[in-house]
Amino acid sequence: MREIFKLTWRLLVIAVVAAFALGATNELTKGPIREQVAAAADAARIAVLPDAERFELISEGEGGCDNAFIGLSGANTVGYTAQATANGYCGKIEVIIGVDLNGIVTGINVGGAGFSETSGLGSKVKNEEFRAQFRGGHGVFGLNGAGETSVDAVTGATTSSAAVVSAVNTAYAYILELMA
């Protein structure tokens, strides 16, 4: 019986030390992780609205979008970006779009921290070949001949392609509301 108590105390000490170490590591890495996520989001916004030098948050969680930013060059507005999330084949797909002041899409970024579409199929929606189809478009986007601006779906990944188109349409409509 005495051996059981010794083992229990040893296990308890090990568990407390491990819990403390994990907690300390979490506190130490929380700030740098937050900074990396913010830097990645800024890079994505710059990629979709390259004329902008900086971005200011104008809304969060409105119009079906996760967030929206105004893109500025000096004191001048050059466009807007918005992020919308849609359900793909394997999970959530985050899409960031940039729109200039004429209502033309300047670019899209596809992915997000939880992006988990099938490698070699659904993951192709992140490829430049697919994303480039949105650049220069306007109005309602649709797959394979539908919509004002038609986008060819990735072969074998119609669900993922449709999710991206849905997110682009949501973000685009919200940006048009902001511009009105």
C-alpha atoms as a PDB file:
ATOM      1  CA  MET A   1       0.000   0.000   0.000  1.00  0.00           C
ATOM      2  CA  ARG A   2       2.871   2.318   0.825  1.00  0.00           C
ATOM      3  CA  GLU A   3       4.327   1.790  -2.702  1.00  0.00           C
ATOM      4  CA  ILE A   4       1.047   2.973  -4.279  1.00  0.00           C
ATOM      5  CA  PHE A   5       1.210   6.273  -2.391  1.00  0.00           C
ATOM      6  CA  LYS A   6       4.837   6.849  -3.475  1.00  0.00           C
ATOM      7  CA  LEU A   7       3.937   6.196  -7.114  1.00  0.00           C
ATOM      8  CA  THR A   8       0.880   8.430  -6.848  1.00  0.00           C
ATOM      9  CA  TRP A   9       2.948  11.327  -5.466  1.00  0.00           C
ATOM     10  CA  ARG A  10       5.603  10.906  -8.135  1.00  0.00           C
ATOM     11  CA  LEU A  11       2.968  10.890 -10.848  1.00  0.00           C
ATOM     12  CA  LEU A  12       1.328  13.964  -9.323  1.00  0.00           C
ATOM     13  CA  VAL A  13       4.638  15.879  -9.256  1.00  0.00           C
ATOM     14  CA  ILE A  14       5.369  14.923 -12.872  1.00  0.00           C
ATOM     15  CA  ALA A  15       1.875  16.011 -13.940  1.00  0.00           C
ATOM     16  CA  VAL A  16       2.179  19.380 -12.140  1.00  0.00           C
ATOM     17  CA  VAL A  17       5.604  20.083 -13.666  1.00  0.00           C
ATOM     18  CA  ALA A  18       4.355  19.122 -17.141  1.00  0.00           C
ATOM     19  CA  ALA A  19       1.239  21.291 -16.755  1.00  0.00           C
ATOM     20  CA  PHE A  20       3.353  24.247 -15.632  1.00  0.00           C
ATOM     21  CA  ALA A  21       5.762  23.777 -18.553  1.00  0.00           C
ATOM     22  CA  LEU A  22       2.901  23.606 -21.068  1.00  0.00           C
ATOM     23  CA  GLY A  23       1.253  26.682 -19.590  1.00  0.00           C
ATOM     24  CA  ALA A  24       4.492  28.660 -19.667  1.00  0.00           C
ATOM     25  CA  THR A  25       5.173  27.621 -23.266  1.00  0.00           C
ATOM     26  CA  ASN A  26       1.658  28.683 -24.253  1.00  0.00           C
ATOM     27  CA  GLU A  27       2.112  32.106 -22.663  1.00  0.00           C
ATOM     28  CA  LEU A  28       5.508  32.603 -24.292  1.00  0.00           C
ATOM     29  CA  THR A  29       4.312  31.695 -27.796  1.00  0.00           C
ATOM     30  CA  LYS A  30       0.893  33.367 -27.730  1.00  0.00           C
ATOM     31  CA  GLY A  31       2.185  36.802 -28.807  1.00  0.00           C
ATOM     32  CA  PRO A  32       4.498  35.624 -31.612  1.00  0.00           C
ATOM     33  CA  ILE A  33       1.775  33.345 -33.013  1.00  0.00           C
ATOM     34  CA  ARG A  34      -0.718  36.229 -33.015  1.00  0.00           C
ATOM     35  CA  GLU A  35       1.846  38.419 -34.821  1.00  0.00           C
ATOM     36  CA  GLN A  36       2.500  35.739 -37.457  1.00  0.00           C
ATOM     37  CA  VAL A  37      -1.238  35.308 -38.110  1.00  0.00           C
ATOM     38  CA  ALA A  38      -1.653  39.083 -38.471  1.00  0.00           C
ATOM     39  CA  ALA A  39       1.367  39.314 -40.797  1.00  0.00           C
ATOM     40  CA  ALA A  40       0.003  36.484 -42.971  1.00  0.00           C
ATOM     41  CA  ALA A  41      -3.396  38.201 -43.172  1.00  0.00           C
ATOM     42  CA  ASP A  42      -1.732  41.512 -44.139  1.00  0.00           C
ATOM     43  CA  ALA A  43       0.305  39.732 -46.824  1.00  0.00           C
ATOM     44  CA  ALA A  44      -2.879  38.145 -48.201  1.00  0.00           C
ATOM     45  CA  ARG A  45      -4.614  41.543 -48.324  1.00  0.00           C
ATOM     46  CA  ILE A  46      -1.630  43.126 -50.095  1.00  0.00           C
ATOM     47  CA  ALA A  47      -1.606  40.239 -52.590  1.00  0.00           C
ATOM     48  CA  VAL A  48      -5.260  40.805 -53.526  1.00  0.00           C
ATOM     49  CA  LEU A  49      -5.144  44.621 -53.517  1.00  0.00           C
ATOM     50  CA  PRO A  50      -1.568  45.459 -54.542  1.00  0.00           C
ATOM     51  CA  ASP A  51      -2.151  49.214 -54.917  1.00  0.00           C
ATOM     52  CA  ALA A  52      -2.815  49.551 -51.184  1.00  0.00           C
ATOM     53  CA  GLU A  53      -0.021  50.468 -48.790  1.00  0.00           C
ATOM     54  CA  ARG A  54      -2.013  49.855 -45.630  1.00  0.00           C
ATOM     55  CA  PHE A  55      -5.396  48.579 -44.501  1.00  0.00           C
ATOM     56  CA  GLU A  56      -7.912  49.743 -41.925  1.00  0.00           C
ATOM     57  CA  LEU A  57     -10.547  47.434 -40.481  1.00  0.00           C
ATOM     58  CA  ILE A  58     -14.044  48.691 -41.259  1.00  0.00           C
ATOM     59  CA  SER A  59     -16.205  45.750 -40.158  1.00  0.00           C
ATOM     60  CA  GLU A  60     -16.142  42.321 -38.556  1.00  0.00           C
ATOM     61  CA  GLY A  61     -18.819  39.675 -38.854  1.00  0.00           C
ATOM     62  CA  GLU A  62     -21.166  41.675 -41.064  1.00  0.00           C
ATOM     63  CA  GLY A  63     -22.734  40.897 -44.444  1.00  0.00           C
ATOM     64  CA  GLY A  64     -21.786  37.233 -44.223  1.00  0.00           C
ATOM     65  CA  CYS A  65     -18.091  38.189 -44.135  1.00  0.00           C
ATOM     66  CA  ASP A  66     -15.519  37.530 -41.452  1.00  0.00           C
ATOM     67  CA  ASN A  67     -14.030  41.006 -41.880  1.00  0.00           C
ATOM     68  CA  ALA A  68     -13.615  43.853 -44.336  1.00  0.00           C
ATOM     69  CA  PHE A  69     -10.831  46.396 -44.748  1.00  0.00           C
ATOM     70  CA  ILE A  70     -10.433  49.607 -46.678  1.00  0.00           C
ATOM     71  CA  GLY A  71      -7.208  49.747 -48.699  1.00  0.00           C
ATOM     72  CA  LEU A  72      -5.346  53.037 -48.577  1.00  0.00           C
ATOM     73  CA  SER A  73      -2.431  54.501 -50.482  1.00  0.00           C
ATOM     74  CA  GLY A  74      -1.390  57.569 -48.560  1.00  0.00           C
ATOM     75  CA  ALA A  75      -4.689  59.234 -47.684  1.00  0.00           C
ATOM     76  CA  ASN A  76      -6.475  57.913 -50.785  1.00  0.00           C
ATOM     77  CA  THR A  77      -8.802  54.935 -50.867  1.00  0.00           C
ATOM     78  CA  VAL A  78      -7.733  52.464 -53.573  1.00  0.00           C
ATOM     79  CA  GLY A  79     -10.193  49.669 -52.846  1.00  0.00           C
ATOM     80  CA  TYR A  80     -11.554  47.208 -50.358  1.00  0.00           C
ATOM     81  CA  THR A  81     -10.820  43.684 -49.184  1.00  0.00           C
ATOM     82  CA  ALA A  82     -13.182  41.256 -47.507  1.00  0.00           C
ATOM     83  CA  GLN A  83     -12.814  37.750 -46.153  1.00  0.00           C
ATOM     84  CA  ALA A  84     -15.612  35.196 -46.330  1.00  0.00           C
ATOM     85  CA  THR A  85     -15.588  31.556 -45.279  1.00  0.00           C
ATOM     86  CA  ALA A  86     -17.433  28.746 -47.055  1.00  0.00           C
ATOM     87  CA  ASN A  87     -17.743  25.011 -46.459  1.00  0.00           C
ATOM     88  CA  GLY A  88     -15.599  23.030 -48.877  1.00  0.00           C
ATOM     89  CA  TYR A  89     -15.433  19.275 -49.348  1.00  0.00           C
ATOM     90  CA  CYS A  90     -13.214  18.655 -46.302  1.00  0.00           C
ATOM     91  CA  GLY A  91     -13.721  21.760 -44.188  1.00  0.00           C
ATOM     92  CA  LYS A  92     -13.764  25.527 -44.096  1.00  0.00           C
ATOM     93  CA  ILE A  93     -12.197  27.537 -46.911  1.00  0.00           C
ATOM     94  CA  GLU A  94     -11.294  31.159 -46.219  1.00  0.00           C
ATOM     95  CA  VAL A  95     -11.315  33.476 -49.222  1.00  0.00           C
ATOM     96  CA  ILE A  96     -10.017  37.041 -49.251  1.00  0.00           C
ATOM     97  CA  ILE A  97     -10.883  39.216 -52.235  1.00  0.00           C
ATOM     98  CA  GLY A  98      -9.709  42.638 -53.302  1.00  0.00           C
ATOM     99  CA  VAL A  99     -11.941  45.010 -55.253  1.00  0.00           C
ATOM    100  CA  ASP A 100     -10.896  48.347 -56.745  1.00  0.00           C
ATOM    101  CA  LEU A 101     -13.061  51.465 -56.749  1.00  0.00           C
ATOM    102  CA  ASN A 102     -14.558  50.496 -60.127  1.00  0.00           C
ATOM    103  CA  GLY A 103     -15.970  47.274 -58.676  1.00  0.00           C
ATOM    104  CA  ILE A 104     -13.410  45.067 -60.436  1.00  0.00           C
ATOM    105  CA  VAL A 105     -11.872  42.138 -58.558  1.00  0.00           C
ATOM    106  CA  THR A 106      -8.116  42.715 -58.294  1.00  0.00           C
ATOM    107  CA  GLY A 107      -7.351  39.282 -56.864  1.00  0.00           C
ATOM    108  CA  ILE A 108      -8.355  36.522 -54.493  1.00  0.00           C
ATOM    109  CA  ASN A 109      -6.495  34.503 -51.879  1.00  0.00           C
ATOM    110  CA  VAL A 110      -7.727  31.034 -50.943  1.00  0.00           C
ATOM    111  CA  GLY A 111      -6.784  29.044 -47.867  1.00  0.00           C
ATOM    112  CA  GLY A 112      -6.855  29.855 -44.196  1.00  0.00           C
ATOM    113  CA  ALA A 113      -5.409  28.215 -41.123  1.00  0.00           C
ATOM    114  CA  GLY A 114      -7.895  25.355 -41.234  1.00  0.00           C
ATOM    115  CA  PHE A 115      -7.662  24.674 -44.975  1.00  0.00           C
ATOM    116  CA  SER A 116      -7.873  20.908 -45.417  1.00  0.00           C
ATOM    117  CA  GLU A 117      -9.134  20.198 -48.928  1.00  0.00           C
ATOM    118  CA  THR A 118      -7.970  16.954 -50.550  1.00  0.00           C
ATOM    119  CA  SER A 119      -4.342  17.173 -51.632  1.00  0.00           C
ATOM    120  CA  GLY A 120      -4.011  17.110 -55.408  1.00  0.00           C
ATOM    121  CA  LEU A 121      -7.718  17.759 -55.991  1.00  0.00           C
ATOM    122  CA  GLY A 122      -9.544  20.302 -53.854  1.00  0.00           C
ATOM    123  CA  SER A 123      -6.274  21.902 -52.835  1.00  0.00           C
ATOM    124  CA  LYS A 124      -5.889  23.080 -56.447  1.00  0.00           C
ATOM    125  CA  VAL A 125      -8.316  25.935 -55.697  1.00  0.00           C
ATOM    126  CA  LYS A 126      -5.267  27.601 -54.088  1.00  0.00           C
ATOM    127  CA  ASN A 127      -3.342  27.462 -57.385  1.00  0.00           C
ATOM    128  CA  GLU A 128      -2.779  30.658 -59.363  1.00  0.00           C
ATOM    129  CA  GLU A 129      -4.395  29.112 -62.458  1.00  0.00           C
ATOM    130  CA  PHE A 130      -7.740  28.840 -60.649  1.00  0.00           C
ATOM    131  CA  ARG A 131      -7.475  32.126 -58.720  1.00  0.00           C
ATOM    132  CA  ALA A 132      -6.519  34.123 -61.839  1.00  0.00           C
ATOM    133  CA  GLN A 133      -9.965  33.464 -63.329  1.00  0.00           C
ATOM    134  CA  PHE A 134     -11.499  35.892 -60.806  1.00  0.00           C
ATOM    135  CA  ARG A 135      -9.069  38.748 -61.515  1.00  0.00           C
ATOM    136  CA  GLY A 136     -10.718  41.427 -63.630  1.00  0.00           C
ATOM    137  CA  GLY A 137     -14.194  40.001 -63.043  1.00  0.00           C
ATOM    138  CA  HIS A 138     -17.267  41.681 -61.625  1.00  0.00           C
ATOM    139  CA  GLY A 139     -20.891  40.902 -60.885  1.00  0.00           C
ATOM    140  CA  VAL A 140     -22.086  37.457 -59.909  1.00  0.00           C
ATOM    141  CA  PHE A 141     -19.486  34.731 -60.327  1.00  0.00           C
ATOM    142  CA  GLY A 142     -20.569  31.273 -61.422  1.00  0.00           C
ATOM    143  CA  LEU A 143     -19.087  27.910 -62.317  1.00  0.00           C
ATOM    144  CA  ASN A 144     -18.711  26.555 -65.831  1.00  0.00           C
ATOM    145  CA  GLY A 145     -20.675  29.120 -67.815  1.00  0.00           C
ATOM    146  CA  ALA A 146     -23.000  30.401 -65.099  1.00  0.00           C
ATOM    147  CA  GLY A 147     -23.037  33.946 -63.734  1.00  0.00           C
ATOM    148  CA  GLU A 148     -21.894  37.244 -65.178  1.00  0.00           C
ATOM    149  CA  THR A 149     -18.288  36.137 -64.723  1.00  0.00           C
ATOM    150  CA  SER A 150     -17.790  32.438 -65.396  1.00  0.00           C
ATOM    151  CA  VAL A 151     -15.097  30.415 -63.639  1.00  0.00           C
ATOM    152  CA  ASP A 152     -14.003  26.933 -64.694  1.00  0.00           C
ATOM    153  CA  ALA A 153     -14.180  24.478 -61.790  1.00  0.00           C
ATOM    154  CA  VAL A 154     -11.112  22.469 -60.853  1.00  0.00           C
ATOM    155  CA  THR A 155     -11.540  19.020 -62.392  1.00  0.00           C
ATOM    156  CA  GLY A 156     -12.540  16.556 -59.689  1.00  0.00           C
ATOM    157  CA  ALA A 157     -13.070  19.313 -57.131  1.00  0.00           C
ATOM    158  CA  THR A 158     -16.431  20.843 -57.951  1.00  0.00           C
ATOM    159  CA  THR A 159     -17.420  21.151 -54.282  1.00  0.00           C
ATOM    160  CA  SER A 160     -14.236  23.020 -53.398  1.00  0.00           C
ATOM    161  CA  SER A 161     -14.568  25.222 -56.489  1.00  0.00           C
ATOM    162  CA  ALA A 162     -18.196  25.998 -55.673  1.00  0.00           C
ATOM    163  CA  ALA A 163     -17.240  26.904 -52.101  1.00  0.00           C
ATOM    164  CA  VAL A 164     -14.668  29.416 -53.356  1.00  0.00           C
ATOM    165  CA  VAL A 165     -17.176  30.921 -55.802  1.00  0.00           C
ATOM    166  CA  SER A 166     -19.759  31.184 -53.020  1.00  0.00           C
ATOM    167  CA  ALA A 167     -17.294  32.939 -50.702  1.00  0.00           C
ATOM    168  CA  VAL A 168     -16.205  35.304 -53.489  1.00  0.00           C
ATOM    169  CA  ASN A 169     -19.843  36.196 -54.236  1.00  0.00           C
ATOM    170  CA  THR A 170     -20.559  36.835 -50.547  1.00  0.00           C
ATOM    171  CA  ALA A 171     -17.492  39.045 -50.098  1.00  0.00           C
ATOM    172  CA  TYR A 172     -18.018  40.841 -53.412  1.00  0.00           C
ATOM    173  CA  ALA A 173     -21.653  41.669 -52.607  1.00  0.00           C
ATOM    174  CA  TYR A 174     -20.639  43.018 -49.215  1.00  0.00           C
ATOM    175  CA  ILE A 175     -17.896  45.181 -50.694  1.00  0.00           C
ATOM    176  CA  LEU A 176     -20.407  46.626 -53.188  1.00  0.00           C
ATOM    177  CA  GLU A 177     -22.644  47.525 -50.227  1.00  0.00           C
ATOM    178  CA  LEU A 178     -19.720  49.299 -48.585  1.00  0.00           C
ATOM    179  CA  MET A 179     -18.973  51.197 -51.778  1.00  0.00           C
ATOM    180  CA  ALA A 180     -22.571  52.375 -52.238  1.00  0.00           C
END
